[in-house]
Amino acid sequence: MEWQGIEWVLLLYWLSMLVVPIYTFITFFLRVKRGVMEKFRAIRYYAGFVIIPVILYGLFFFVLVSLEEIAKINLVTEEFARSFFVVIGIGIIIWLVSLVVFGITLAFLRKPG
């Protein structure tokens, strides 16, 4: 017996990988521009916030696999399991690229004054 419909998590994951970096970029950029936050602190916070969807997706997957082993029912479809490393890899690439773009943007930002 397979639990159909688990793929909705991927849609939520991809949506969060689009929304979280953009929202965090705008929020921390404006804070640094106004002088409320230092550049280095903004980069650290940005890196932490943008990696959260990747971590949550990984934890969700491992919780499902653990429940599958305990309950002896198929919670994880074969397609979902095969796509795990690809999805996590793309999430890490998005995280790294957005972090580099944010860092370069802050590097060219002048201090308020």
C-alpha atoms as a PDB file:
ATOM      1  CA  MET A   1       0.000   0.000   0.000  1.00  0.00           C
ATOM      2  CA  GLU A   2       1.491   3.323  -1.082  1.00  0.00           C
ATOM      3  CA  TRP A   3       0.541   6.671   0.347  1.00  0.00           C
ATOM      4  CA  GLN A   4      -0.324   8.709  -2.735  1.00  0.00           C
ATOM      5  CA  GLY A   5      -0.214  12.465  -2.736  1.00  0.00           C
ATOM      6  CA  ILE A   6       3.042  13.013  -0.848  1.00  0.00           C
ATOM      7  CA  GLU A   7       4.385  14.954  -3.821  1.00  0.00           C
ATOM      8  CA  TRP A   8       2.573  18.105  -2.620  1.00  0.00           C
ATOM      9  CA  VAL A   9       5.584  18.605  -0.373  1.00  0.00           C
ATOM     10  CA  LEU A  10       7.736  19.209  -3.445  1.00  0.00           C
ATOM     11  CA  LEU A  11       5.444  22.004  -4.597  1.00  0.00           C
ATOM     12  CA  LEU A  12       5.639  23.624  -1.171  1.00  0.00           C
ATOM     13  CA  TYR A  13       9.428  23.175  -1.155  1.00  0.00           C
ATOM     14  CA  TRP A  14       9.911  24.787  -4.582  1.00  0.00           C
ATOM     15  CA  LEU A  15       7.602  27.632  -3.669  1.00  0.00           C
ATOM     16  CA  SER A  16       9.538  28.260  -0.466  1.00  0.00           C
ATOM     17  CA  MET A  17      12.847  28.115  -2.371  1.00  0.00           C
ATOM     18  CA  LEU A  18      11.515  30.934  -4.535  1.00  0.00           C
ATOM     19  CA  VAL A  19       9.824  33.087  -1.900  1.00  0.00           C
ATOM     20  CA  VAL A  20      12.231  32.814   1.052  1.00  0.00           C
ATOM     21  CA  PRO A  21      15.392  34.051  -0.744  1.00  0.00           C
ATOM     22  CA  ILE A  22      13.570  36.947  -2.402  1.00  0.00           C
ATOM     23  CA  TYR A  23      11.778  38.078   0.761  1.00  0.00           C
ATOM     24  CA  THR A  24      14.913  37.697   2.892  1.00  0.00           C
ATOM     25  CA  PHE A  25      17.018  39.515   0.298  1.00  0.00           C
ATOM     26  CA  ILE A  26      14.703  42.508   0.273  1.00  0.00           C
ATOM     27  CA  THR A  27      14.299  42.586   4.054  1.00  0.00           C
ATOM     28  CA  PHE A  28      17.988  42.383   4.959  1.00  0.00           C
ATOM     29  CA  PHE A  29      19.062  44.639   2.092  1.00  0.00           C
ATOM     30  CA  LEU A  30      16.771  47.378   3.351  1.00  0.00           C
ATOM     31  CA  ARG A  31      17.976  46.910   6.930  1.00  0.00           C
ATOM     32  CA  VAL A  32      21.604  47.253   5.862  1.00  0.00           C
ATOM     33  CA  LYS A  33      20.787  50.227   3.626  1.00  0.00           C
ATOM     34  CA  ARG A  34      19.085  52.025   6.519  1.00  0.00           C
ATOM     35  CA  GLY A  35      22.032  51.280   8.795  1.00  0.00           C
ATOM     36  CA  VAL A  36      20.044  49.099  11.180  1.00  0.00           C
ATOM     37  CA  MET A  37      22.120  45.966  10.537  1.00  0.00           C
ATOM     38  CA  GLU A  38      25.783  45.393   9.722  1.00  0.00           C
ATOM     39  CA  LYS A  39      26.712  43.764   6.414  1.00  0.00           C
ATOM     40  CA  PHE A  40      28.407  40.715   7.905  1.00  0.00           C
ATOM     41  CA  ARG A  41      25.516  40.067  10.261  1.00  0.00           C
ATOM     42  CA  ALA A  42      23.045  40.382   7.378  1.00  0.00           C
ATOM     43  CA  ILE A  43      24.989  37.811   5.343  1.00  0.00           C
ATOM     44  CA  ARG A  44      25.020  35.374   8.265  1.00  0.00           C
ATOM     45  CA  TYR A  45      21.294  35.774   8.872  1.00  0.00           C
ATOM     46  CA  TYR A  46      20.554  35.533   5.161  1.00  0.00           C
ATOM     47  CA  ALA A  47      22.506  32.284   4.902  1.00  0.00           C
ATOM     48  CA  GLY A  48      20.644  30.868   7.879  1.00  0.00           C
ATOM     49  CA  PHE A  49      17.174  31.822   6.721  1.00  0.00           C
ATOM     50  CA  VAL A  50      17.570  30.695   3.110  1.00  0.00           C
ATOM     51  CA  ILE A  51      18.856  27.219   4.050  1.00  0.00           C
ATOM     52  CA  ILE A  52      15.823  26.545   6.283  1.00  0.00           C
ATOM     53  CA  PRO A  53      13.588  25.081   3.503  1.00  0.00           C
ATOM     54  CA  VAL A  54      16.343  22.641   2.512  1.00  0.00           C
ATOM     55  CA  ILE A  55      16.801  21.509   6.101  1.00  0.00           C
ATOM     56  CA  LEU A  56      13.053  21.153   6.671  1.00  0.00           C
ATOM     57  CA  TYR A  57      12.635  19.124   3.483  1.00  0.00           C
ATOM     58  CA  GLY A  58      15.464  16.811   4.510  1.00  0.00           C
ATOM     59  CA  LEU A  59      14.022  16.372   7.999  1.00  0.00           C
ATOM     60  CA  PHE A  60      10.549  15.710   6.579  1.00  0.00           C
ATOM     61  CA  PHE A  61      11.947  13.036   4.275  1.00  0.00           C
ATOM     62  CA  PHE A  62      13.870  11.298   7.045  1.00  0.00           C
ATOM     63  CA  VAL A  63      10.863  11.407   9.382  1.00  0.00           C
ATOM     64  CA  LEU A  64       8.775   9.733   6.686  1.00  0.00           C
ATOM     65  CA  VAL A  65      11.432   7.077   6.125  1.00  0.00           C
ATOM     66  CA  SER A  66      11.647   6.463   9.877  1.00  0.00           C
ATOM     67  CA  LEU A  67       7.876   6.144  10.181  1.00  0.00           C
ATOM     68  CA  GLU A  68       7.907   3.795   7.226  1.00  0.00           C
ATOM     69  CA  GLU A  69      10.397   1.538   8.972  1.00  0.00           C
ATOM     70  CA  ILE A  70       8.535   1.615  12.279  1.00  0.00           C
ATOM     71  CA  ALA A  71       5.019   1.174  10.905  1.00  0.00           C
ATOM     72  CA  LYS A  72       5.949  -1.161   8.017  1.00  0.00           C
ATOM     73  CA  ILE A  73       3.807   0.802   5.550  1.00  0.00           C
ATOM     74  CA  ASN A  74       4.928   2.543   2.388  1.00  0.00           C
ATOM     75  CA  LEU A  75       4.876   6.262   3.073  1.00  0.00           C
ATOM     76  CA  VAL A  76       7.601   7.244   0.617  1.00  0.00           C
ATOM     77  CA  THR A  77       6.969   6.546  -3.052  1.00  0.00           C
ATOM     78  CA  GLU A  78       9.836   5.364  -5.211  1.00  0.00           C
ATOM     79  CA  GLU A  79       9.807   8.548  -7.284  1.00  0.00           C
ATOM     80  CA  PHE A  80       9.861  10.692  -4.151  1.00  0.00           C
ATOM     81  CA  ALA A  81      12.800   8.729  -2.769  1.00  0.00           C
ATOM     82  CA  ARG A  82      14.750   8.886  -6.035  1.00  0.00           C
ATOM     83  CA  SER A  83      14.336  12.629  -6.314  1.00  0.00           C
ATOM     84  CA  PHE A  84      15.623  13.333  -2.787  1.00  0.00           C
ATOM     85  CA  PHE A  85      19.285  13.960  -3.654  1.00  0.00           C
ATOM     86  CA  VAL A  86      18.419  15.954  -6.765  1.00  0.00           C
ATOM     87  CA  VAL A  87      15.977  18.176  -4.864  1.00  0.00           C
ATOM     88  CA  ILE A  88      18.396  18.743  -1.983  1.00  0.00           C
ATOM     89  CA  GLY A  89      21.233  19.417  -4.438  1.00  0.00           C
ATOM     90  CA  ILE A  90      19.240  22.006  -6.360  1.00  0.00           C
ATOM     91  CA  GLY A  91      18.216  23.615  -3.066  1.00  0.00           C
ATOM     92  CA  ILE A  92      21.855  23.902  -1.978  1.00  0.00           C
ATOM     93  CA  ILE A  93      22.794  25.377  -5.366  1.00  0.00           C
ATOM     94  CA  ILE A  94      19.992  27.955  -5.054  1.00  0.00           C
ATOM     95  CA  TRP A  95      21.209  28.727  -1.539  1.00  0.00           C
ATOM     96  CA  LEU A  96      24.829  29.211  -2.644  1.00  0.00           C
ATOM     97  CA  VAL A  97      23.990  31.314  -5.706  1.00  0.00           C
ATOM     98  CA  SER A  98      21.589  33.542  -3.782  1.00  0.00           C
ATOM     99  CA  LEU A  99      24.158  33.941  -1.001  1.00  0.00           C
ATOM    100  CA  VAL A 100      26.825  35.018  -3.507  1.00  0.00           C
ATOM    101  CA  VAL A 101      24.419  37.473  -5.170  1.00  0.00           C
ATOM    102  CA  PHE A 102      23.429  38.908  -1.792  1.00  0.00           C
ATOM    103  CA  GLY A 103      27.069  39.229  -0.748  1.00  0.00           C
ATOM    104  CA  ILE A 104      28.034  40.985  -3.985  1.00  0.00           C
ATOM    105  CA  THR A 105      25.079  43.326  -3.644  1.00  0.00           C
ATOM    106  CA  LEU A 106      26.099  44.247  -0.118  1.00  0.00           C
ATOM    107  CA  ALA A 107      29.703  44.703  -1.179  1.00  0.00           C
ATOM    108  CA  PHE A 108      28.683  47.461  -3.579  1.00  0.00           C
ATOM    109  CA  LEU A 109      26.277  49.081  -1.132  1.00  0.00           C
ATOM    110  CA  ARG A 110      27.510  52.334   0.348  1.00  0.00           C
ATOM    111  CA  LYS A 111      27.154  52.987   4.029  1.00  0.00           C
ATOM    112  CA  PRO A 112      24.333  55.314   4.992  1.00  0.00           C
ATOM    113  CA  GLY A 113      25.413  58.720   5.941  1.00  0.00           C
END
